[in-house]
C-alpha atoms as a PDB file:
ATOM      1  CA  MET A   1      86.216  -6.498  10.658  1.00  0.00           C
ATOM      2  CA  ASN A   2      85.637 -10.220  11.015  1.00  0.00           C
ATOM      3  CA  THR A   3      87.165 -12.197   8.128  1.00  0.00           C
ATOM      4  CA  LYS A   4      87.436 -15.600   9.799  1.00  0.00           C
ATOM      5  CA  ASN A   5      84.924 -17.180   7.424  1.00  0.00           C
ATOM      6  CA  VAL A   6      86.869 -16.023   4.323  1.00  0.00           C
ATOM      7  CA  THR A   7      89.383 -18.697   3.375  1.00  0.00           C
ATOM      8  CA  ASP A   8      91.022 -17.019   0.349  1.00  0.00           C
ATOM      9  CA  THR A   9      93.867 -14.785   1.541  1.00  0.00           C
ATOM     10  CA  ILE A  10      93.683 -12.365  -1.415  1.00  0.00           C
ATOM     11  CA  GLU A  11      89.937 -11.955  -0.940  1.00  0.00           C
ATOM     12  CA  ARG A  12      90.456 -11.384   2.785  1.00  0.00           C
ATOM     13  CA  LYS A  13      93.047  -8.678   2.055  1.00  0.00           C
ATOM     14  CA  LYS A  14      90.641  -6.927  -0.317  1.00  0.00           C
ATOM     15  CA  LEU A  15      87.868  -6.968   2.281  1.00  0.00           C
ATOM     16  CA  LYS A  16      90.150  -5.613   4.987  1.00  0.00           C
ATOM     17  CA  ARG A  17      91.480  -2.827   2.770  1.00  0.00           C
ATOM     18  CA  THR A  18      88.008  -1.666   1.803  1.00  0.00           C
ATOM     19  CA  ALA A  19      86.914  -1.760   5.453  1.00  0.00           C
ATOM     20  CA  ARG A  20      89.980   0.273   6.427  1.00  0.00           C
ATOM     21  CA  LYS A  21      89.148   2.906   3.811  1.00  0.00           C
ATOM     22  CA  LYS A  22      85.508   3.114   4.955  1.00  0.00           C
ATOM     23  CA  ALA A  23      86.381   3.336   8.672  1.00  0.00           C
ATOM     24  CA  ALA A  24      86.399   6.720  10.379  1.00  0.00           C
ATOM     25  CA  PRO A  25      89.879   8.204  10.864  1.00  0.00           C
ATOM     26  CA  LYS A  26      91.427   7.480  14.239  1.00  0.00           C
ATOM     27  CA  ALA A  27      91.875  10.347  16.679  1.00  0.00           C
ATOM     28  CA  LYS A  28      95.359  11.675  17.263  1.00  0.00           C
ATOM     29  CA  ARG A  29      97.163  10.575  20.411  1.00  0.00           C
ATOM     30  CA  ALA A  30      96.645  12.959  23.311  1.00  0.00           C
ATOM     31  CA  ALA A  31      99.493  15.318  24.121  1.00  0.00           C
ATOM     32  CA  GLY A  32     101.842  14.013  26.781  1.00  0.00           C
ATOM     33  CA  VAL A  33     101.101  10.333  26.156  1.00  0.00           C
ATOM     34  CA  ALA A  34     104.425   8.616  25.507  1.00  0.00           C
ATOM     35  CA  ARG A  35     104.578   5.563  23.302  1.00  0.00           C
ATOM     36  CA  GLY A  36     107.286   2.965  22.769  1.00  0.00           C
ATOM     37  CA  SER A  37     110.721   4.520  22.311  1.00  0.00           C
ATOM     38  CA  GLU A  38     109.446   7.834  23.752  1.00  0.00           C
ATOM     39  CA  LYS A  39     108.719   6.260  27.153  1.00  0.00           C
ATOM     40  CA  LYS A  40     110.903   6.959  30.143  1.00  0.00           C
ATOM     41  CA  LYS A  41     113.388   4.127  30.576  1.00  0.00           C
ATOM     42  CA  ILE A  42     114.343   2.374  33.814  1.00  0.00           C
ATOM     43  CA  ARG A  43     117.924   1.379  34.611  1.00  0.00           C
ATOM     44  CA  HIS A  44     117.410  -1.640  36.844  1.00  0.00           C
ATOM     45  CA  GLN A  45     114.188  -3.126  38.052  1.00  0.00           C
ATOM     46  CA  ALA A  46     113.898  -4.623  41.500  1.00  0.00           C
ATOM     47  CA  GLN A  47     112.058  -7.939  41.362  1.00  0.00           C
ATOM     48  CA  GLY A  48     108.387  -7.663  42.177  1.00  0.00           C
ATOM     49  CA  GLN A  49     108.239  -3.885  41.852  1.00  0.00           C
ATOM     50  CA  ARG A  50     106.255  -1.775  39.414  1.00  0.00           C
ATOM     51  CA  LYS A  51     108.312  -0.462  36.533  1.00  0.00           C
ATOM     52  CA  ARG A  52     106.783   2.992  36.253  1.00  0.00           C
END
């Protein structure tokens, strides 16, 4: 939803909310895909190495 041309913040919010309601529901995250706090943590990272 492009609302760059709308200057009034309240009007922009209204437009975004209506667009959000009209939009198709997002698909659920696939099983086994970690996100954020669920991700495997690393203790110490060697410089220049990949984290995961």
